Amino acid sequence: MRPMISVTPDQVVIAGIIWGFKRAVIPSQNLAKEWSYQTATEAEHEDIHFVPGTTEVRPDLDREYDRHLKASG
């Protein structure tokens, strides 16, 4: 079992900002930050959004968010 990591909302927001700029989707950036924060909170750790062992945002995270947007209509 993976040890729990203490995550601050600011850390999750930073990940969302980085991811948002990577996608260059400025109008929906706040939605992306909210989704990033919500999913990390549900998982109880933010490393679900990073390449294992790094602080680099997962390259497939944009596709995961796109699937979320399509599913939520």
C-alpha atoms as a PDB file:
ATOM      1  CA  MET A   1       0.000   0.000   0.000  1.00  0.00           C
ATOM      2  CA  ARG A   2       1.236   3.460  -0.904  1.00  0.00           C
ATOM      3  CA  PRO A   3       1.919   5.835   2.020  1.00  0.00           C
ATOM      4  CA  MET A   4      -0.332   8.864   2.211  1.00  0.00           C
ATOM      5  CA  ILE A   5       1.179  12.172   1.191  1.00  0.00           C
ATOM      6  CA  SER A   6       0.116  15.459   2.676  1.00  0.00           C
ATOM      7  CA  VAL A   7      -1.121  17.719  -0.101  1.00  0.00           C
ATOM      8  CA  THR A   8      -1.977  21.368   0.127  1.00  0.00           C
ATOM      9  CA  PRO A   9      -4.586  22.906  -2.153  1.00  0.00           C
ATOM     10  CA  ASP A  10      -1.853  25.219  -3.468  1.00  0.00           C
ATOM     11  CA  GLN A  11       0.206  22.245  -4.667  1.00  0.00           C
ATOM     12  CA  VAL A  12      -2.755  20.855  -6.574  1.00  0.00           C
ATOM     13  CA  VAL A  13      -3.538  24.270  -8.042  1.00  0.00           C
ATOM     14  CA  ILE A  14       0.059  24.597  -9.219  1.00  0.00           C
ATOM     15  CA  ALA A  15      -0.214  21.225 -10.971  1.00  0.00           C
ATOM     16  CA  GLY A  16      -3.444  22.406 -12.571  1.00  0.00           C
ATOM     17  CA  ILE A  17      -1.857  25.626 -13.725  1.00  0.00           C
ATOM     18  CA  ILE A  18       1.086  23.804 -15.283  1.00  0.00           C
ATOM     19  CA  TRP A  19      -1.250  21.371 -16.971  1.00  0.00           C
ATOM     20  CA  GLY A  20      -3.545  24.185 -18.110  1.00  0.00           C
ATOM     21  CA  PHE A  21      -0.721  26.106 -19.745  1.00  0.00           C
ATOM     22  CA  LYS A  22       0.582  22.930 -21.331  1.00  0.00           C
ATOM     23  CA  ARG A  23      -2.798  22.521 -23.007  1.00  0.00           C
ATOM     24  CA  ALA A  24      -3.091  26.259 -23.705  1.00  0.00           C
ATOM     25  CA  VAL A  25      -6.775  26.153 -22.813  1.00  0.00           C
ATOM     26  CA  ILE A  26      -6.948  29.399 -20.896  1.00  0.00           C
ATOM     27  CA  PRO A  27     -10.795  29.779 -20.841  1.00  0.00           C
ATOM     28  CA  SER A  28     -11.303  26.394 -19.192  1.00  0.00           C
ATOM     29  CA  GLN A  29      -8.270  26.613 -16.924  1.00  0.00           C
ATOM     30  CA  ASN A  30     -10.365  27.102 -13.789  1.00  0.00           C
ATOM     31  CA  LEU A  31     -12.396  23.989 -14.617  1.00  0.00           C
ATOM     32  CA  ALA A  32      -9.184  22.030 -15.109  1.00  0.00           C
ATOM     33  CA  LYS A  33      -7.874  23.222 -11.741  1.00  0.00           C
ATOM     34  CA  GLU A  34     -11.134  22.242 -10.053  1.00  0.00           C
ATOM     35  CA  TRP A  35     -11.013  18.789 -11.662  1.00  0.00           C
ATOM     36  CA  SER A  36      -7.358  18.349 -10.708  1.00  0.00           C
ATOM     37  CA  TYR A  37      -8.054  19.338  -7.110  1.00  0.00           C
ATOM     38  CA  GLN A  38     -11.169  17.158  -6.887  1.00  0.00           C
ATOM     39  CA  THR A  39      -9.502  14.031  -8.268  1.00  0.00           C
ATOM     40  CA  ALA A  40      -6.448  14.456  -6.035  1.00  0.00           C
ATOM     41  CA  THR A  41      -8.697  14.993  -3.015  1.00  0.00           C
ATOM     42  CA  GLU A  42     -10.711  11.874  -3.831  1.00  0.00           C
ATOM     43  CA  ALA A  43      -7.497   9.860  -4.196  1.00  0.00           C
ATOM     44  CA  GLU A  44      -6.135  11.477  -1.005  1.00  0.00           C
ATOM     45  CA  HIS A  45      -2.841  12.311  -2.725  1.00  0.00           C
ATOM     46  CA  GLU A  46      -1.730  14.462  -5.635  1.00  0.00           C
ATOM     47  CA  ASP A  47       0.789  12.049  -7.121  1.00  0.00           C
ATOM     48  CA  ILE A  48      -1.969  10.566  -9.299  1.00  0.00           C
ATOM     49  CA  HIS A  49      -1.309  13.503 -11.637  1.00  0.00           C
ATOM     50  CA  PHE A  50       2.475  13.068 -11.836  1.00  0.00           C
ATOM     51  CA  VAL A  51       4.876  10.667 -13.524  1.00  0.00           C
ATOM     52  CA  PRO A  52       5.770   8.188 -10.743  1.00  0.00           C
ATOM     53  CA  GLY A  53       8.694   9.362  -8.650  1.00  0.00           C
ATOM     54  CA  THR A  54       8.707  12.879 -10.143  1.00  0.00           C
ATOM     55  CA  THR A  55       6.820  16.154  -9.989  1.00  0.00           C
ATOM     56  CA  GLU A  56       6.348  16.065 -13.779  1.00  0.00           C
ATOM     57  CA  VAL A  57       2.707  16.142 -14.887  1.00  0.00           C
ATOM     58  CA  ARG A  58       1.668  12.887 -16.600  1.00  0.00           C
ATOM     59  CA  PRO A  59       1.638  13.319 -20.391  1.00  0.00           C
ATOM     60  CA  ASP A  60      -1.743  11.535 -20.681  1.00  0.00           C
ATOM     61  CA  LEU A  61      -3.459  13.788 -18.140  1.00  0.00           C
ATOM     62  CA  ASP A  62      -4.963  15.969 -20.863  1.00  0.00           C
ATOM     63  CA  ARG A  63      -6.664  12.941 -22.444  1.00  0.00           C
ATOM     64  CA  GLU A  64      -8.010  11.876 -19.054  1.00  0.00           C
ATOM     65  CA  TYR A  65      -9.480  15.342 -18.527  1.00  0.00           C
ATOM     66  CA  ASP A  66     -10.951  15.314 -22.052  1.00  0.00           C
ATOM     67  CA  ARG A  67     -12.695  11.996 -21.258  1.00  0.00           C
ATOM     68  CA  HIS A  68     -14.055  13.588 -18.078  1.00  0.00           C
ATOM     69  CA  LEU A  69     -15.407  16.555 -20.037  1.00  0.00           C
ATOM     70  CA  LYS A  70     -17.095  14.298 -22.611  1.00  0.00           C
ATOM     71  CA  ALA A  71     -18.605  12.106 -19.892  1.00  0.00           C
ATOM     72  CA  SER A  72     -19.946  15.079 -17.951  1.00  0.00           C
ATOM     73  CA  GLY A  73     -21.561  16.478 -21.069  1.00  0.00           C
END
